[in-house]
Protein backbone atom coordinates (compact mmCIF):
# COMPACT_ATOMS: atom_id res chain seq x y z
CA UNK A 1 22.47 54.35 -46.16
CA UNK A 2 23.78 50.81 -46.01
CA UNK A 3 21.79 48.57 -43.68
CA UNK A 4 24.87 47.48 -41.75
CA UNK A 5 26.05 51.09 -41.35
CA UNK A 6 22.58 52.11 -40.13
CA UNK A 7 22.59 49.26 -37.61
CA UNK A 8 25.98 50.34 -36.24
CA UNK A 9 24.75 53.95 -36.08
CA UNK A 10 21.70 52.97 -34.03
CA UNK A 11 23.79 50.78 -31.73
CA UNK A 12 26.26 53.64 -31.33
CA UNK A 13 23.44 56.01 -30.35
CA UNK A 14 22.25 53.41 -27.88
CA UNK A 15 25.73 53.18 -26.36
CA UNK A 16 25.89 56.97 -26.05
CA UNK A 17 22.47 56.99 -24.38
CA UNK A 18 23.60 54.24 -22.02
CA UNK A 19 26.68 56.22 -20.98
CA UNK A 20 24.80 59.51 -20.58
CA UNK A 21 22.02 57.94 -18.48
CA UNK A 22 24.49 56.09 -16.28
CA UNK A 23 26.51 59.25 -15.66
CA UNK A 24 23.36 61.26 -14.93
CA UNK A 25 22.09 58.65 -12.46
CA UNK A 26 25.45 58.63 -10.69
CA UNK A 27 25.22 62.40 -10.23
CA UNK A 28 21.78 61.99 -8.65
CA UNK A 29 23.30 59.55 -6.15
CA UNK A 30 26.05 61.90 -4.97
CA UNK A 31 25.50 64.20 -2.01
CA UNK A 32 21.81 63.34 -1.71
CA UNK A 33 20.08 61.94 1.32
CA UNK A 34 17.71 59.99 -0.88
CA UNK A 35 19.37 57.08 -2.59
CA UNK A 36 18.59 55.87 -6.10
CA UNK A 37 15.84 53.29 -6.39
CA UNK A 38 17.78 51.50 -9.18
CA UNK A 39 21.46 51.16 -9.97
CA UNK A 40 23.01 53.63 -12.41
CA UNK A 41 23.68 50.82 -14.87
CA UNK A 42 19.96 49.96 -14.85
CA UNK A 43 19.13 53.54 -15.75
CA UNK A 44 21.66 53.20 -18.56
CA UNK A 45 20.02 50.06 -19.86
CA UNK A 46 16.61 51.75 -19.73
CA UNK A 47 17.77 54.62 -21.94
CA UNK A 48 19.76 52.29 -24.20
CA UNK A 49 16.74 50.09 -24.86
CA UNK A 50 14.53 53.10 -25.63
CA UNK A 51 17.19 54.34 -28.03
CA UNK A 52 17.72 51.06 -29.89
CA UNK A 53 14.50 49.04 -29.80
CA UNK A 54 12.00 51.49 -31.40
CA UNK A 55 14.12 52.17 -34.53
CA UNK A 56 14.96 48.47 -34.92
CA UNK A 57 11.30 47.51 -34.70
CA UNK A 58 10.44 50.24 -37.18
CA UNK A 59 13.14 49.07 -39.60
CA UNK A 60 11.86 45.49 -39.39
CA UNK A 61 8.37 46.71 -40.23
CA UNK A 62 9.65 49.09 -42.92
CA UNK A 63 11.63 46.32 -44.62
CA UNK A 64 8.36 44.42 -45.05
CA UNK A 65 6.38 47.43 -46.28
CA UNK A 66 8.89 49.24 -48.52
CA UNK A 67 9.03 46.60 -51.33
CA UNK A 68 5.29 47.02 -51.82
CA UNK A 69 5.66 50.79 -51.87
CA UNK A 70 8.45 50.53 -54.45
CA UNK A 71 6.33 48.21 -56.59
CA UNK A 72 3.36 50.57 -56.39
CA UNK A 73 5.53 53.55 -57.37
CA UNK A 74 6.94 51.66 -60.36
CA UNK A 75 3.48 50.58 -61.53
CA UNK A 76 2.30 54.20 -61.41
CA UNK A 77 5.17 55.43 -63.58
CA UNK A 78 4.48 56.19 -67.29
CA UNK A 79 6.92 53.48 -68.43
CA UNK A 80 4.83 50.84 -66.64
CA UNK A 81 1.91 51.43 -68.99
CA UNK A 82 3.49 48.98 -71.44
CA UNK A 83 3.43 46.13 -68.91
CA UNK A 84 1.31 43.10 -69.71
CA UNK A 85 -1.97 42.51 -67.92
CA UNK A 86 -0.92 38.91 -67.38
CA UNK A 87 0.38 38.75 -63.79
CA UNK A 88 3.09 36.16 -64.42
CA UNK A 89 4.61 38.10 -67.31
CA UNK A 90 4.30 41.40 -65.45
CA UNK A 91 6.03 39.98 -62.35
CA UNK A 92 8.80 38.55 -64.54
CA UNK A 93 9.53 41.96 -66.09
CA UNK A 94 9.48 43.65 -62.69
CA UNK A 95 11.88 41.04 -61.32
CA UNK A 96 14.26 41.72 -64.20
CA UNK A 97 13.92 45.47 -63.56
CA UNK A 98 14.91 44.95 -59.93
CA UNK A 99 17.90 42.87 -61.03
CA UNK A 100 19.01 45.56 -63.47
CA UNK A 101 18.55 48.23 -60.79
CA UNK A 102 20.93 46.31 -58.52
CA UNK A 103 23.39 45.46 -61.29
CA UNK A 104 23.22 47.71 -64.39
CA UNK A 105 25.44 45.26 -66.30
CA UNK A 106 22.92 42.43 -66.14
CA UNK A 107 22.93 40.67 -69.49
CA UNK A 108 19.93 39.71 -71.62
CA UNK A 109 17.40 41.86 -69.75
CA UNK A 110 14.03 42.71 -71.26
CA UNK A 111 14.03 46.19 -72.93
CA UNK A 112 11.03 47.21 -70.83
CA UNK A 113 12.85 46.05 -67.69
CA UNK A 114 15.80 48.27 -68.63
CA UNK A 115 13.43 51.23 -68.93
CA UNK A 116 11.89 50.51 -65.54
CA UNK A 117 15.23 49.94 -63.80
CA UNK A 118 15.94 53.69 -63.16
CA UNK A 119 12.45 54.08 -61.71
CA UNK A 120 13.04 51.11 -59.42
CA UNK A 121 16.42 52.46 -58.35
CA UNK A 122 15.05 55.92 -57.63
CA UNK A 123 12.08 54.56 -55.65
CA UNK A 124 14.33 52.27 -53.65
CA UNK A 125 16.69 55.10 -52.76
CA UNK A 126 13.85 57.40 -51.79
CA UNK A 127 12.16 54.90 -49.51
CA UNK A 128 15.49 53.74 -48.10
CA UNK A 129 16.43 57.28 -47.07
CA UNK A 130 12.90 57.79 -45.72
CA UNK A 131 13.25 54.73 -43.52
CA UNK A 132 16.74 55.77 -42.43
CA UNK A 133 15.60 59.24 -41.44
CA UNK A 134 12.58 57.94 -39.57
CA UNK A 135 14.72 55.37 -37.72
CA UNK A 136 17.23 58.01 -36.62
CA UNK A 137 14.44 60.33 -35.49
CA UNK A 138 12.92 57.47 -33.50
CA UNK A 139 16.29 56.80 -31.88
CA UNK A 140 16.67 60.43 -30.78
CA UNK A 141 13.03 60.64 -29.68
CA UNK A 142 13.32 57.45 -27.65
CA UNK A 143 16.56 58.64 -26.03
CA UNK A 144 15.05 62.02 -25.16
CA UNK A 145 11.95 60.41 -23.66
CA UNK A 146 13.98 57.96 -21.59
CA UNK A 147 16.42 60.61 -20.35
CA UNK A 148 13.52 62.78 -19.23
CA UNK A 149 12.40 59.91 -16.95
CA UNK A 150 15.73 59.63 -15.13
CA UNK A 151 15.16 60.62 -11.49
CA UNK A 152 16.32 59.36 -8.13
CA UNK A 153 13.03 57.57 -7.47
CA UNK A 154 12.53 56.23 -11.00
CA UNK A 155 12.05 52.44 -11.07
CA UNK A 156 14.39 51.71 -13.96
CA UNK A 157 15.10 48.21 -12.73
CA UNK A 158 11.43 47.18 -12.99
CA UNK A 159 11.14 48.64 -16.49
CA UNK A 160 14.26 46.86 -17.71
CA UNK A 161 13.25 43.54 -16.16
CA UNK A 162 9.77 43.72 -17.70
CA UNK A 163 11.26 44.44 -21.11
CA UNK A 164 13.64 41.50 -20.78
CA UNK A 165 10.79 39.24 -19.68
CA UNK A 166 8.79 40.32 -22.71
CA UNK A 167 11.76 39.57 -24.95
CA UNK A 168 12.14 36.13 -23.41
CA UNK A 169 8.43 35.49 -23.87
CA UNK A 170 8.62 36.46 -27.54
CA UNK A 171 11.67 34.22 -28.01
CA UNK A 172 9.86 31.29 -26.41
CA UNK A 173 6.78 31.87 -28.58
CA UNK A 174 8.81 31.81 -31.79
CA UNK A 175 9.21 28.02 -31.65
CA UNK A 176 5.49 27.55 -30.93
CA UNK A 177 4.41 29.91 -33.69
CA UNK A 178 6.85 28.29 -36.12
CA UNK A 179 5.40 24.87 -35.34
CA UNK A 180 1.88 26.19 -35.78
CA UNK A 181 2.86 27.79 -39.09
CA UNK A 182 4.35 24.53 -40.36
CA UNK A 183 1.26 22.62 -39.30
CA UNK A 184 -1.06 25.21 -40.89
CA UNK A 185 0.77 25.12 -44.23
CA UNK A 186 0.81 21.32 -44.28
CA UNK A 187 -2.83 21.14 -43.26
CA UNK A 188 -3.95 23.62 -45.93
CA UNK A 189 -2.22 21.79 -48.77
CA UNK A 190 -3.29 18.41 -47.39
CA UNK A 191 -6.95 19.44 -47.47
CA UNK A 192 -6.54 20.17 -51.18
CA UNK A 193 -5.05 16.70 -51.64
CA UNK A 194 -7.80 14.95 -49.67
CA UNK A 195 -10.32 16.82 -51.76
CA UNK A 196 -9.07 14.78 -54.73
CA UNK A 197 -8.05 11.55 -52.97
CA UNK A 198 -10.15 9.96 -50.19
CA UNK A 199 -8.26 9.88 -46.92
CA UNK A 200 -9.12 6.22 -46.37
CA UNK A 201 -7.47 5.22 -49.66
CA UNK A 202 -4.39 7.25 -48.76
CA UNK A 203 -3.97 5.95 -45.19
CA UNK A 204 -4.97 2.32 -45.77
CA UNK A 205 -4.12 1.71 -49.43
CA UNK A 206 -1.30 -0.73 -50.11
CA UNK A 207 -0.38 0.33 -53.65
CA UNK A 208 1.95 3.31 -54.13
CA UNK A 209 2.70 4.29 -57.73
CA UNK A 210 2.55 8.10 -58.18
CA UNK A 211 4.13 7.84 -61.64
CA UNK A 212 0.97 6.23 -63.04
CA UNK A 213 -2.19 7.87 -61.68
CA UNK A 214 -5.67 7.17 -62.98
CA UNK A 215 -7.44 10.50 -63.48
CA UNK A 216 -10.78 8.95 -62.51
CA UNK A 217 -9.49 7.25 -59.35
CA UNK A 218 -6.16 8.81 -58.28
CA UNK A 219 -6.36 7.28 -54.83
CA UNK A 220 -5.87 3.78 -56.24
CA UNK A 221 -2.20 4.58 -56.90
CA UNK A 222 -1.55 6.64 -53.76
CA UNK A 223 -1.88 4.15 -50.92
CA UNK A 224 0.76 5.14 -48.34
CA UNK A 225 0.92 1.99 -46.20
CA UNK A 226 4.14 0.75 -47.90
CA UNK A 227 5.76 4.11 -47.15
CA UNK A 228 4.72 4.03 -43.50
CA UNK A 229 5.98 0.49 -43.16
CA UNK A 230 9.31 1.31 -44.80
CA UNK A 231 9.77 4.34 -42.54
CA UNK A 232 8.97 2.28 -39.45
CA UNK A 233 11.07 -0.69 -40.56
CA UNK A 234 14.18 1.35 -41.40
CA UNK A 235 13.99 4.13 -38.84
CA UNK A 236 12.27 2.55 -35.84
CA UNK A 237 13.34 -1.09 -36.09
CA UNK A 238 16.68 -1.56 -37.82
CA UNK A 239 18.16 1.77 -36.75
CA UNK A 240 16.97 1.37 -33.16
CA UNK A 241 18.34 -2.17 -32.97
CA UNK A 242 21.72 -0.57 -33.60
CA UNK A 243 21.39 2.70 -31.69
CA UNK A 244 19.70 1.64 -28.44
CA UNK A 245 22.03 -1.20 -27.38
CA UNK A 246 25.25 0.52 -28.41
CA UNK A 247 24.14 3.92 -27.12
CA UNK A 248 22.96 2.60 -23.76
CA UNK A 249 25.98 0.35 -23.26
CA UNK A 250 28.39 3.15 -24.09
CA UNK A 251 26.60 5.41 -21.59
CA UNK A 252 26.81 2.74 -18.88
CA UNK A 253 30.50 2.21 -19.56
CA UNK A 254 31.35 5.90 -19.55
CA UNK A 255 29.48 6.62 -16.29
CA UNK A 256 30.19 3.46 -14.29
CA UNK A 257 33.32 1.75 -15.54
CA UNK A 258 35.51 4.18 -17.50
CA UNK A 259 38.27 6.11 -15.75
CA UNK A 260 38.21 9.91 -15.76
CA UNK A 261 40.95 10.00 -18.41
CA UNK A 262 39.12 7.58 -20.70
CA UNK A 263 35.83 9.43 -20.30
CA UNK A 264 37.52 12.76 -21.01
CA UNK A 265 38.49 11.78 -24.56
CA UNK A 266 35.92 9.08 -25.37
CA UNK A 267 32.73 11.07 -24.71
CA UNK A 268 33.64 14.02 -27.02
CA UNK A 269 34.80 11.54 -29.67
CA UNK A 270 31.46 9.73 -29.52
CA UNK A 271 29.49 12.95 -29.67
CA UNK A 272 31.40 14.02 -32.78
CA UNK A 273 29.27 11.52 -34.70
CA UNK A 274 26.29 13.83 -34.19
CA UNK A 275 28.14 16.64 -35.98
CA UNK A 276 28.94 14.68 -39.12
CA UNK A 277 26.81 15.94 -42.06
CA UNK A 278 24.13 13.47 -43.04
CA UNK A 279 25.27 13.59 -46.67
CA UNK A 280 28.55 12.04 -45.50
CA UNK A 281 26.60 9.22 -43.89
CA UNK A 282 24.67 8.90 -47.14
CA UNK A 283 27.86 8.50 -49.16
CA UNK A 284 29.16 6.00 -46.64
CA UNK A 285 25.93 4.02 -46.85
CA UNK A 286 25.79 4.08 -50.67
CA UNK A 287 29.47 3.38 -51.40
CA UNK A 288 30.55 1.14 -48.52
CA UNK A 289 27.71 -0.39 -46.52
CA UNK A 290 25.27 -1.08 -49.37
CA UNK A 291 27.76 -3.13 -51.48
CA UNK A 292 28.77 -5.07 -48.37
CA UNK A 293 25.13 -5.84 -47.57
CA UNK A 294 24.55 -6.95 -51.15
CA UNK A 295 27.54 -9.32 -50.96
CA UNK A 296 26.07 -10.72 -47.76
CA UNK A 297 22.72 -11.28 -49.46
CA UNK A 298 24.41 -13.05 -52.38
CA UNK A 299 26.33 -15.23 -49.96
CA UNK A 300 23.05 -16.14 -48.27
CA UNK A 301 21.62 -17.37 -51.58
CA UNK A 302 19.95 -14.33 -53.15
CA UNK A 303 21.79 -13.67 -56.44
CA UNK A 304 19.37 -10.89 -57.42
CA UNK A 305 19.77 -8.85 -54.22
CA UNK A 306 19.72 -5.09 -54.59
CA UNK A 307 22.31 -2.78 -53.11
CA UNK A 308 19.49 -0.39 -52.13
CA UNK A 309 18.26 -2.42 -49.18
CA UNK A 310 16.52 -1.49 -45.96
CA UNK A 311 19.39 -2.99 -43.95
CA UNK A 312 22.03 -0.73 -45.51
CA UNK A 313 20.08 2.46 -44.78
CA UNK A 314 19.02 1.29 -41.32
CA UNK A 315 22.53 0.32 -40.20
CA UNK A 316 24.06 3.67 -41.13
CA UNK A 317 21.09 5.53 -39.67
CA UNK A 318 21.54 3.61 -36.42
CA UNK A 319 25.21 4.57 -36.25
CA UNK A 320 24.28 8.21 -36.87
CA UNK A 321 21.84 8.40 -33.94
CA UNK A 322 23.99 6.52 -31.39
CA UNK A 323 25.20 9.84 -29.91
CA UNK A 324 21.62 10.97 -29.27
CA UNK A 325 20.86 7.89 -27.20
CA UNK A 326 24.28 7.78 -25.55
CA UNK A 327 24.41 11.44 -24.55
CA UNK A 328 20.92 11.51 -23.02
CA UNK A 329 21.43 8.21 -21.22
CA UNK A 330 24.85 9.35 -19.98
CA UNK A 331 23.44 12.56 -18.51
CA UNK A 332 20.52 10.70 -16.94
CA UNK A 333 22.73 8.08 -15.32
CA UNK A 334 25.11 10.72 -14.03
CA UNK A 335 22.18 12.64 -12.51
CA UNK A 336 21.01 9.68 -10.39
CA UNK A 337 21.80 10.46 -6.71
CA UNK A 338 25.01 8.83 -5.55
CA UNK A 339 23.22 7.65 -2.41
CA UNK A 340 21.11 5.23 -4.47
CA UNK A 341 24.18 3.63 -6.02
CA UNK A 342 26.09 3.50 -2.74
CA UNK A 343 23.09 2.10 -0.90
CA UNK A 344 22.70 -0.72 -3.42
CA UNK A 345 26.38 -1.61 -3.23
CA UNK A 346 26.25 -1.45 0.58
CA UNK A 347 23.41 -4.00 0.57
CA UNK A 348 25.68 -6.47 -1.22
CA UNK A 349 24.56 -5.98 -4.82
CA UNK A 350 27.17 -6.22 -7.53
CA UNK A 351 27.95 -3.37 -9.89
CA UNK A 352 26.01 -4.97 -12.74
CA UNK A 353 23.01 -5.61 -10.49
CA UNK A 354 23.13 -2.00 -9.27
CA UNK A 355 23.17 -0.75 -12.85
CA UNK A 356 20.34 -2.96 -14.10
CA UNK A 357 18.05 -2.77 -11.05
CA UNK A 358 18.73 0.68 -9.59
CA UNK A 359 20.48 3.12 -11.91
CA UNK A 360 18.80 2.31 -15.22
CA UNK A 361 15.24 2.30 -13.76
CA UNK A 362 15.96 5.58 -11.95
CA UNK A 363 17.37 7.13 -15.13
CA UNK A 364 14.62 5.72 -17.33
CA UNK A 365 12.95 9.10 -18.05
CA UNK A 366 16.16 10.45 -19.55
CA UNK A 367 16.79 7.22 -21.44
CA UNK A 368 13.27 7.29 -22.88
CA UNK A 369 13.78 10.93 -23.87
CA UNK A 370 16.99 9.99 -25.67
CA UNK A 371 15.31 7.11 -27.48
CA UNK A 372 12.43 9.40 -28.45
CA UNK A 373 14.85 11.97 -29.83
CA UNK A 374 16.65 9.25 -31.74
CA UNK A 375 13.41 7.82 -33.19
CA UNK A 376 12.25 11.28 -34.28
CA UNK A 377 15.63 11.93 -35.84
CA UNK A 378 15.57 8.61 -37.65
CA UNK A 379 12.02 8.96 -38.94
CA UNK A 380 12.74 12.41 -40.35
CA UNK A 381 16.12 11.55 -41.88
CA UNK A 382 16.33 12.28 -45.60
CA UNK A 383 19.83 12.15 -47.07
CA UNK A 384 20.70 8.61 -45.98
CA UNK A 385 17.48 7.09 -47.33
CA UNK A 386 17.68 9.17 -50.52
CA UNK A 387 21.19 7.88 -51.25
CA UNK A 388 20.97 4.34 -49.84
CA UNK A 389 17.32 3.28 -49.75
CA UNK A 390 15.23 2.28 -52.73
CA UNK A 391 12.29 4.04 -54.28
CA UNK A 392 10.33 0.80 -54.52
CA UNK A 393 7.33 0.85 -52.18
CA UNK A 394 7.13 -2.67 -50.78
CA UNK A 395 5.89 -4.29 -47.59
CA UNK A 396 8.45 -6.83 -46.49
CA UNK A 397 10.06 -8.22 -43.34
CA UNK A 398 13.26 -9.07 -45.17
CA UNK A 399 15.86 -6.36 -44.41
CA UNK A 400 17.89 -7.40 -47.46
CA UNK A 401 15.10 -6.35 -49.82
CA UNK A 402 14.35 -2.87 -51.11
CA UNK A 403 12.20 -0.47 -49.11
CA UNK A 404 11.39 3.20 -49.23
CA UNK A 405 10.43 5.85 -46.69
CA UNK A 406 8.11 8.82 -46.43
CA UNK A 407 10.95 11.35 -46.60
CA UNK A 408 12.42 9.83 -49.76
CA UNK A 409 9.06 9.90 -51.48
CA UNK A 410 8.54 13.53 -50.46
CA UNK A 411 11.83 14.40 -52.15
CA UNK A 412 10.89 12.43 -55.27
CA UNK A 413 7.44 14.02 -55.47
CA UNK A 414 8.64 17.60 -55.07
CA UNK A 415 11.57 17.33 -57.48
CA UNK A 416 9.55 16.15 -60.45
CA UNK A 417 7.92 18.18 -63.20
CA UNK A 418 4.30 17.56 -62.26
CA UNK A 419 1.89 20.45 -61.80
CA UNK A 420 1.67 21.83 -58.29
CA UNK A 421 -2.08 21.22 -58.10
CA UNK A 422 -1.80 17.60 -59.21
CA UNK A 423 -2.47 14.79 -56.71
CA UNK A 424 1.10 13.57 -57.21
CA UNK A 425 2.64 16.81 -55.91
CA UNK A 426 0.04 17.45 -53.21
CA UNK A 427 0.65 13.94 -51.88
CA UNK A 428 3.98 15.20 -50.53
CA UNK A 429 2.14 17.56 -48.17
CA UNK A 430 -0.20 14.81 -47.03
CA UNK A 431 2.80 12.61 -46.28
CA UNK A 432 4.44 15.44 -44.35
CA UNK A 433 1.29 16.06 -42.32
CA UNK A 434 0.95 12.37 -41.50
CA UNK A 435 4.58 12.21 -40.41
CA UNK A 436 4.05 15.31 -38.29
CA UNK A 437 1.02 13.79 -36.53
CA UNK A 438 2.79 10.46 -35.93
CA UNK A 439 5.76 12.23 -34.37
CA UNK A 440 3.43 14.29 -32.19
CA UNK A 441 1.67 11.14 -30.95
CA UNK A 442 5.03 9.53 -30.17
CA UNK A 443 5.97 12.59 -28.13
CA UNK A 444 2.71 12.45 -26.17
CA UNK A 445 3.12 8.75 -25.37
CA UNK A 446 6.74 9.22 -24.37
CA UNK A 447 5.91 12.16 -22.10
CA UNK A 448 3.31 10.07 -20.29
CA UNK A 449 5.82 7.28 -19.78
CA UNK A 450 8.44 9.73 -18.56
CA UNK A 451 5.99 11.37 -16.16
CA UNK A 452 4.95 8.02 -14.70
CA UNK A 453 8.47 6.82 -13.94
CA UNK A 454 9.67 10.24 -12.82
CA UNK A 455 6.95 10.32 -10.16
CA UNK A 456 8.06 6.90 -8.98
CA UNK A 457 11.71 7.85 -8.49
CA UNK A 458 11.54 11.51 -7.42
C-alpha cells in the first residue's frame, strides 16, 4: 500500500476511535449520579492517540529496518551469487537493481542488476505489505485497549496531558540532540585531521595554502589564522559597522518617533530583507557593490585593486543582517515599561536623553541578543563571501584588499577532487569545529552580559 494512503488510513481509524470514545463517554455521563472524571473529548483523544501513535512509531522503525531486510533477502537469492566480493562494486550493482526495480525502463543498467531487480521488487512488496498489516493490527489493538479503559472514573485527562508533555519533551530534545550530533561528527573528523596536522600549527599558523601541501609537514601549509582574521574582519567588523548603527537607529525611530501609520508599513518592509535569499545578496555584491568598491579603490590611488575585496562582502553582509538587529532592538525597546519613559520625561529629560540614558540601557539585553544573532549569522554566512570575497588568505587591515573567510574555504575544500582522508579535505571539518566552538563561546559571553544587565533593570 502507498505510504500516503496508509497514513490516511491510520488517521481515519484514529478519527473513528476518537468519535466512538467520545460518544461512549457521553453515554456514561447521562443519567448517572457519578460524573465523569474527564471530559468526553479527553476520552476521545486518549483513544485516538492509542490508535494512531503505536502504528506510526512502528512504521518509522520499520522504514529503517526494512531496507536491510530487503538487502539481506536479495543477497541470499541464487542470482546474487555472481556479485563481486568487492563492497564498492557490489553496492553499485545493488543500487542499480533498486533503480531498475523502481523504474523498469532505466537505461544502461548492469545485466546482473536487471536480473536482481525482480528479486528486489518482490522483497520490497513483501516487506511493505508485512509492515502495512502489522501497522493496521497495531491500530486496531491500540483502539481496542483504549476503549476497554473508558469508564466514568478513568483519568483520561491525566493520560493525555502526560502524553502531550512527553511529545513536547521529545520535540525540545531534538534541537539538543541535533547539536550534539553535529558536534560529534565534526569532532570525530577533526581528530583524524589533528592526527596528521598538529593543532598548534593549525590554530596559530599564518600560512594557508591547501593547494600545495608538503607530505612530510602538511601543517606548514594549513595555518588558519588568516581565515580567522578574514572571518572576523568581514563578519564582525565591517558588517557590524553597518548593521548595528542602522539597525539600532531604525529601531529607535520606529518605537519612539514614527507614527502608527509609518510603523505599520515600514517595519514589515524592513523585515523583508531577512527573507531575501542569500544568493541574491551574493549576486548584488558581486555585480554591483564589488565593481563600485573597486572604482573607489582606483580613485583613491590603487590601480591594481581587486573587485573581490573585504569591504564589498562586508557591506552587503551588513545590509543583510540589519533586520536581525533592528527587530530584536525594536521588540526590546517596546517591552520597556512605559512608566520608565514617562518618569524620565516628567523629570525634565528630553526625548533623546530618555532614549540614550533610560530606554537603551533598560533594553540592552534584547539589543545584545540581536547583535549576537547578527554576529552569528554573519560569521556563518556562505553565499555572499563565496561570490564576493576572495580566496586569498591574507592578514590585512585594509578593507579594499582581498580577504577570505572560514566558510568560503570550507566550500573550496569540500568541492575539490582531493581524497577524503587527505589533510586538505579533513581541514574543512577542523575549520567547522573551530567555528562552532567560537560561536559557542560568543553565546556564553553574551548570556553573561545579558544576565548581568537584566538583573539590574528587572
